[in-house]
Amino acid sequence: MILHYLNKKENDQRNGYMYDGAIDSINTIFDIDSYSFYGNLNHEIKAFTFTLGARYDNNLISYKGEYYSYGEQQNNLNLSHEGQGLSLLMTLSHRLNNSLNHHLSLSNSY
């Protein structure tokens, strides 16, 4: 089993002529918090191979944006999104010879 974790914050500050002159500076912050677990099991019986895989993801993304025109705040935008899900994979392979296989795969994804 493998664990993946990401916690990242991105800041962006810009000054200049933007959005056809509607604003002249922005300050944005993205806060990304993501983790996932995944694993894979393989089992072989003679010429058959059975594989079972699973992955669980949880993602939280927050956004804060401030927009200014001539030093006055024009807009403040706060958004967040959380998504989570489970993905599964099952495969069955049958080896006919060194060159040919039958292969059946079923999967879902969130």
Protein backbone atom coordinates (compact mmCIF):
# COMPACT_ATOMS: atom_id res chain seq x y z
CA MET A 1 0.00 0.00 0.00
CA ILE A 2 1.23 3.48 -0.84
CA LEU A 3 0.28 6.79 0.77
CA HIS A 4 0.55 10.09 -1.09
CA TYR A 5 0.16 13.43 0.72
CA LEU A 6 0.36 16.98 -0.64
CA ASN A 7 -0.07 20.22 1.28
CA LYS A 8 0.75 23.24 -0.84
CA LYS A 9 0.03 26.94 -0.63
CA GLU A 10 0.45 29.16 -3.68
CA ASN A 11 0.44 32.96 -3.50
CA ASP A 12 0.23 35.18 -6.54
CA GLN A 13 0.46 38.98 -6.48
CA ARG A 14 0.25 40.95 -9.71
CA ASN A 15 0.18 44.61 -10.62
CA GLY A 16 -0.72 46.09 -13.97
CA TYR A 17 -3.52 46.63 -16.45
CA MET A 18 -5.83 43.57 -16.21
CA TYR A 19 -9.30 42.55 -17.32
CA ASP A 20 -9.59 45.40 -19.81
CA GLY A 21 -8.74 47.97 -17.14
CA ALA A 22 -11.30 46.81 -14.58
CA ILE A 23 -8.54 46.12 -12.02
CA ASP A 24 -4.89 47.02 -11.59
CA SER A 25 -3.75 44.50 -8.97
CA ILE A 26 -4.68 41.08 -7.62
CA ASN A 27 -3.68 38.96 -4.65
CA THR A 28 -4.67 35.28 -4.83
CA ILE A 29 -4.03 32.33 -2.53
CA PHE A 30 -4.56 28.68 -3.37
CA ASP A 31 -4.41 26.21 -0.46
CA ILE A 32 -4.28 22.58 -1.63
CA ASP A 33 -4.57 19.66 0.78
CA SER A 34 -4.66 16.24 -0.85
CA TYR A 35 -4.01 12.67 0.21
CA SER A 36 -4.56 9.28 -1.33
CA PHE A 37 -4.02 5.62 -0.51
CA TYR A 38 -3.61 3.00 -3.17
CA GLY A 39 -2.60 -0.59 -3.48
CA ASN A 40 -2.59 -3.57 -5.81
CA LEU A 41 -2.79 -7.34 -5.29
CA ASN A 42 -1.81 -9.94 -7.91
CA HIS A 43 -2.54 -13.65 -7.71
CA GLU A 44 -1.41 -16.23 -10.28
CA ILE A 45 -2.86 -19.73 -10.79
CA LYS A 46 -1.25 -21.61 -13.67
CA ALA A 47 -1.97 -19.58 -16.84
CA PHE A 48 -4.35 -17.13 -15.07
CA THR A 49 -3.51 -13.87 -13.32
CA PHE A 50 -6.05 -12.06 -11.15
CA THR A 51 -5.40 -8.43 -10.16
CA LEU A 52 -7.32 -6.28 -7.69
CA GLY A 53 -6.48 -2.61 -7.20
CA ALA A 54 -8.03 0.20 -5.17
CA ARG A 55 -7.41 3.91 -4.64
CA TYR A 56 -9.01 6.37 -2.21
CA ASP A 57 -8.59 10.13 -2.77
CA ASN A 58 -9.51 13.11 -0.62
CA ASN A 59 -8.88 16.62 -1.95
CA LEU A 60 -9.60 20.00 -0.36
CA ILE A 61 -8.86 23.09 -2.44
CA SER A 62 -9.42 26.60 -1.10
CA TYR A 63 -9.11 29.85 -3.06
CA LYS A 64 -9.06 33.42 -1.84
CA GLY A 65 -8.86 36.22 -4.36
CA GLU A 66 -8.71 39.97 -3.76
CA TYR A 67 -9.02 42.39 -6.68
CA TYR A 68 -8.08 46.08 -6.50
CA SER A 69 -8.50 49.15 -8.67
CA TYR A 70 -6.52 52.29 -7.76
CA GLY A 71 -5.87 50.91 -4.26
CA GLU A 72 -9.52 50.19 -3.45
CA GLN A 73 -10.73 46.61 -3.13
CA GLN A 74 -13.23 45.87 -5.89
CA ASN A 75 -14.01 42.24 -5.18
CA ASN A 76 -13.22 39.51 -2.70
CA LEU A 77 -13.78 35.92 -3.80
CA ASN A 78 -13.53 32.93 -1.44
CA LEU A 79 -14.15 29.45 -2.83
CA SER A 80 -13.52 25.93 -1.57
CA HIS A 81 -14.11 22.47 -2.96
CA GLU A 82 -13.78 19.09 -1.30
CA GLY A 83 -13.88 15.88 -3.30
CA GLN A 84 -13.35 12.33 -2.26
CA GLY A 85 -13.85 8.99 -3.86
CA LEU A 86 -12.95 5.38 -4.24
CA SER A 87 -11.70 3.82 -7.48
CA LEU A 88 -11.52 0.06 -8.07
CA LEU A 89 -9.93 -2.17 -10.71
CA MET A 90 -10.28 -5.92 -11.26
CA THR A 91 -8.58 -7.78 -14.09
CA LEU A 92 -8.36 -11.39 -15.17
CA SER A 93 -5.73 -12.44 -17.70
CA HIS A 94 -5.30 -15.83 -19.35
CA ARG A 95 -2.00 -16.56 -21.06
CA LEU A 96 -2.58 -18.67 -24.18
CA ASN A 97 1.10 -18.79 -25.16
CA ASN A 98 4.12 -16.46 -25.14
CA SER A 99 2.48 -14.15 -27.70
CA LEU A 100 -1.29 -14.21 -26.96
CA ASN A 101 -3.45 -13.35 -23.91
CA HIS A 102 -7.13 -13.05 -23.09
CA HIS A 103 -7.73 -10.07 -20.86
CA LEU A 104 -10.87 -8.91 -19.00
CA SER A 105 -10.86 -5.66 -17.03
CA LEU A 106 -13.58 -4.00 -14.90
CA SER A 107 -13.04 -0.62 -13.30
CA ASN A 108 -14.81 2.38 -11.83
CA SER A 109 -13.57 5.83 -10.99
CA TYR A 110 -14.98 8.73 -9.09
